[in-house]
Amino acid sequence: MAAETTQVKAYIMNNLLAEAIACDDPDRAARIIRDALGIESDDVVGYCFPTEWPADRERRARYIGEWLKTEARYLAS
C-alpha cells in the first residue's frame, strides 16, 4: 500500500511540474510549486527566476530546476 501512495504522490508532482513549466506566468508557476512543496518564502525564487519569463518551455524548466536546487541548498544551510 505504501508503494502505491508513493507512486501517486510522484504522479501528482510530475503533473504539477508539467503545469508549472507550461505556465505563461512566472508568479503562478512559482505558486504551483511552492504550494505543492510547502515552501513559504519567495526569497529564493525571486533570485532564480528571470525578470522576463521565457516563451521556450525548455528554458522555463531549467529556471524551475535551478530554483529547486537553490532552494534545497538554502534550506540545508
N, C-alpha and C. Protein backbone atom coordinates (compact mmCIF):
# COMPACT_ATOMS: atom_id res chain seq x y z
N MET A 1 0.82 -1.19 0.00
CA MET A 1 0.00 0.00 0.00
C MET A 1 0.87 1.26 0.00
N ALA A 2 1.98 1.24 0.75
CA ALA A 2 2.86 2.42 0.81
C ALA A 2 3.47 2.72 -0.55
N ALA A 3 3.80 1.69 -1.31
CA ALA A 3 4.38 1.90 -2.65
C ALA A 3 3.38 2.59 -3.57
N GLU A 4 2.11 2.22 -3.46
CA GLU A 4 1.07 2.86 -4.28
C GLU A 4 0.93 4.33 -3.91
N THR A 5 0.99 4.65 -2.64
CA THR A 5 0.89 6.04 -2.19
C THR A 5 2.06 6.85 -2.72
N THR A 6 3.25 6.29 -2.69
CA THR A 6 4.43 6.97 -3.20
C THR A 6 4.30 7.21 -4.70
N GLN A 7 3.78 6.24 -5.43
CA GLN A 7 3.59 6.39 -6.87
C GLN A 7 2.58 7.48 -7.17
N VAL A 8 1.52 7.55 -6.41
CA VAL A 8 0.50 8.57 -6.62
C VAL A 8 1.09 9.96 -6.36
N LYS A 9 1.86 10.09 -5.27
CA LYS A 9 2.49 11.38 -4.97
C LYS A 9 3.45 11.78 -6.08
N ALA A 10 4.23 10.84 -6.60
CA ALA A 10 5.17 11.13 -7.68
C ALA A 10 4.41 11.56 -8.93
N TYR A 11 3.31 10.90 -9.23
CA TYR A 11 2.49 11.25 -10.40
C TYR A 11 1.92 12.66 -10.26
N ILE A 12 1.43 12.99 -9.08
CA ILE A 12 0.87 14.32 -8.84
C ILE A 12 1.96 15.37 -8.99
N MET A 13 3.16 15.12 -8.43
CA MET A 13 4.25 16.07 -8.52
C MET A 13 4.67 16.26 -9.98
N ASN A 14 4.71 15.16 -10.75
CA ASN A 14 5.05 15.28 -12.18
C ASN A 14 4.04 16.16 -12.89
N ASN A 15 2.76 15.99 -12.57
CA ASN A 15 1.73 16.81 -13.19
C ASN A 15 1.88 18.27 -12.79
N LEU A 16 2.21 18.54 -11.53
CA LEU A 16 2.38 19.91 -11.06
C LEU A 16 3.59 20.56 -11.70
N LEU A 17 4.67 19.82 -11.86
CA LEU A 17 5.84 20.36 -12.54
C LEU A 17 5.52 20.67 -14.00
N ALA A 18 4.83 19.77 -14.66
CA ALA A 18 4.44 20.00 -16.05
C ALA A 18 3.54 21.23 -16.16
N GLU A 19 2.63 21.38 -15.22
CA GLU A 19 1.74 22.54 -15.21
C GLU A 19 2.53 23.82 -15.00
N ALA A 20 3.48 23.81 -14.08
CA ALA A 20 4.29 25.00 -13.81
C ALA A 20 5.15 25.36 -15.02
N ILE A 21 5.74 24.36 -15.66
CA ILE A 21 6.58 24.61 -16.84
C ILE A 21 5.75 25.16 -17.98
N ALA A 22 4.52 24.69 -18.13
CA ALA A 22 3.65 25.15 -19.21
C ALA A 22 3.06 26.53 -18.95
N CYS A 23 3.17 27.01 -17.74
CA CYS A 23 2.54 28.26 -17.33
C CYS A 23 3.24 29.47 -17.95
N ASP A 24 2.45 30.40 -18.46
CA ASP A 24 3.00 31.63 -19.05
C ASP A 24 3.33 32.69 -18.00
N ASP A 25 2.89 32.50 -16.79
CA ASP A 25 3.07 33.48 -15.73
C ASP A 25 4.05 32.93 -14.70
N PRO A 26 5.22 33.56 -14.52
CA PRO A 26 6.20 33.02 -13.57
C PRO A 26 5.71 33.03 -12.13
N ASP A 27 4.90 34.00 -11.75
CA ASP A 27 4.37 34.03 -10.39
C ASP A 27 3.46 32.84 -10.13
N ARG A 28 2.64 32.53 -11.10
CA ARG A 28 1.73 31.37 -10.97
C ARG A 28 2.52 30.07 -10.95
N ALA A 29 3.54 29.98 -11.81
CA ALA A 29 4.38 28.78 -11.84
C ALA A 29 5.03 28.56 -10.47
N ALA A 30 5.57 29.62 -9.90
CA ALA A 30 6.20 29.52 -8.58
C ALA A 30 5.18 29.15 -7.52
N ARG A 31 3.99 29.72 -7.59
CA ARG A 31 2.95 29.42 -6.60
C ARG A 31 2.53 27.95 -6.65
N ILE A 32 2.42 27.40 -7.85
CA ILE A 32 2.05 25.99 -8.01
C ILE A 32 3.05 25.10 -7.27
N ILE A 33 4.32 25.35 -7.48
CA ILE A 33 5.36 24.52 -6.87
C ILE A 33 5.49 24.82 -5.38
N ARG A 34 5.44 26.09 -5.00
CA ARG A 34 5.54 26.44 -3.59
C ARG A 34 4.43 25.79 -2.77
N ASP A 35 3.22 25.84 -3.30
CA ASP A 35 2.08 25.22 -2.60
C ASP A 35 2.25 23.71 -2.48
N ALA A 36 2.74 23.07 -3.54
CA ALA A 36 2.90 21.62 -3.52
C ALA A 36 3.99 21.18 -2.54
N LEU A 37 5.04 21.98 -2.43
CA LEU A 37 6.18 21.60 -1.58
C LEU A 37 6.16 22.25 -0.21
N GLY A 38 5.24 23.17 0.00
CA GLY A 38 5.17 23.84 1.30
C GLY A 38 6.25 24.88 1.51
N ILE A 39 6.76 25.44 0.42
CA ILE A 39 7.78 26.49 0.51
C ILE A 39 7.06 27.79 0.86
N GLU A 40 7.50 28.44 1.93
CA GLU A 40 6.79 29.63 2.41
C GLU A 40 7.39 30.94 1.91
N SER A 41 8.66 30.95 1.59
CA SER A 41 9.35 32.19 1.26
C SER A 41 9.50 32.37 -0.25
N ASP A 42 9.45 33.62 -0.69
CA ASP A 42 9.70 33.97 -2.09
C ASP A 42 11.15 34.38 -2.31
N ASP A 43 11.97 34.35 -1.27
CA ASP A 43 13.33 34.86 -1.36
C ASP A 43 14.15 34.19 -2.46
N VAL A 44 14.15 32.88 -2.50
CA VAL A 44 15.00 32.16 -3.45
C VAL A 44 14.42 32.24 -4.86
N VAL A 45 13.13 32.10 -5.00
CA VAL A 45 12.53 32.16 -6.33
C VAL A 45 12.75 33.53 -6.96
N GLY A 46 12.69 34.57 -6.17
CA GLY A 46 12.94 35.92 -6.68
C GLY A 46 14.36 36.08 -7.19
N TYR A 47 15.26 35.33 -6.60
CA TYR A 47 16.66 35.36 -7.01
C TYR A 47 16.89 34.53 -8.27
N CYS A 48 16.18 33.42 -8.43
CA CYS A 48 16.43 32.46 -9.51
C CYS A 48 15.65 32.74 -10.80
N PHE A 49 14.46 33.28 -10.67
CA PHE A 49 13.65 33.50 -11.86
C PHE A 49 14.07 34.78 -12.57
N PRO A 50 14.04 34.77 -13.91
CA PRO A 50 14.41 35.97 -14.66
C PRO A 50 13.32 37.03 -14.58
N THR A 51 13.65 38.25 -14.95
CA THR A 51 12.64 39.31 -14.95
C THR A 51 11.63 39.09 -16.08
N GLU A 52 12.08 38.48 -17.18
CA GLU A 52 11.15 38.13 -18.27
C GLU A 52 11.08 36.62 -18.37
N TRP A 53 9.88 36.09 -18.26
CA TRP A 53 9.65 34.66 -18.33
C TRP A 53 9.77 34.21 -19.78
N PRO A 54 10.62 33.23 -20.08
CA PRO A 54 10.83 32.82 -21.47
C PRO A 54 9.62 32.11 -22.06
N ALA A 55 9.48 32.25 -23.35
CA ALA A 55 8.41 31.54 -24.07
C ALA A 55 8.78 30.08 -24.27
N ASP A 56 10.07 29.79 -24.29
CA ASP A 56 10.58 28.45 -24.52
C ASP A 56 10.38 27.57 -23.29
N ARG A 57 9.67 26.48 -23.48
CA ARG A 57 9.35 25.56 -22.39
C ARG A 57 10.60 24.97 -21.74
N GLU A 58 11.61 24.66 -22.54
CA GLU A 58 12.84 24.07 -22.02
C GLU A 58 13.57 25.06 -21.10
N ARG A 59 13.61 26.31 -21.47
CA ARG A 59 14.25 27.31 -20.61
C ARG A 59 13.48 27.51 -19.31
N ARG A 60 12.16 27.46 -19.38
CA ARG A 60 11.34 27.54 -18.16
C ARG A 60 11.69 26.39 -17.23
N ALA A 61 11.78 25.19 -17.77
CA ALA A 61 12.11 24.01 -16.97
C ALA A 61 13.47 24.18 -16.31
N ARG A 62 14.43 24.75 -17.03
CA ARG A 62 15.76 24.96 -16.46
C ARG A 62 15.71 25.96 -15.31
N TYR A 63 14.96 27.03 -15.46
CA TYR A 63 14.82 28.01 -14.37
C TYR A 63 14.18 27.38 -13.14
N ILE A 64 13.14 26.60 -13.36
CA ILE A 64 12.45 25.94 -12.25
C ILE A 64 13.39 24.94 -11.57
N GLY A 65 14.12 24.17 -12.36
CA GLY A 65 15.06 23.21 -11.80
C GLY A 65 16.16 23.90 -11.00
N GLU A 66 16.68 24.98 -11.51
CA GLU A 66 17.72 25.72 -10.79
C GLU A 66 17.17 26.30 -9.49
N TRP A 67 15.94 26.80 -9.54
CA TRP A 67 15.30 27.32 -8.34
C TRP A 67 15.19 26.24 -7.27
N LEU A 68 14.73 25.06 -7.67
CA LEU A 68 14.55 23.98 -6.69
C LEU A 68 15.88 23.52 -6.10
N LYS A 69 16.93 23.46 -6.92
CA LYS A 69 18.25 23.11 -6.40
C LYS A 69 18.74 24.18 -5.43
N THR A 70 18.56 25.43 -5.78
CA THR A 70 18.99 26.53 -4.91
C THR A 70 18.19 26.55 -3.63
N GLU A 71 16.89 26.29 -3.73
CA GLU A 71 16.01 26.24 -2.55
C GLU A 71 16.48 25.14 -1.60
N ALA A 72 16.84 23.99 -2.15
CA ALA A 72 17.32 22.88 -1.31
C ALA A 72 18.61 23.25 -0.59
N ARG A 73 19.52 23.90 -1.31
CA ARG A 73 20.79 24.33 -0.68
C ARG A 73 20.51 25.37 0.40
N TYR A 74 19.59 26.28 0.13
CA TYR A 74 19.24 27.33 1.10
C TYR A 74 18.66 26.73 2.37
N LEU A 75 17.77 25.75 2.22
CA LEU A 75 17.14 25.12 3.37
C LEU A 75 18.12 24.25 4.15
N ALA A 76 19.11 23.69 3.46
CA ALA A 76 20.09 22.82 4.12
C ALA A 76 21.12 23.60 4.93
N SER A 77 21.26 24.87 4.64
CA SER A 77 22.29 25.63 5.36
C SER A 77 21.79 26.17 6.68
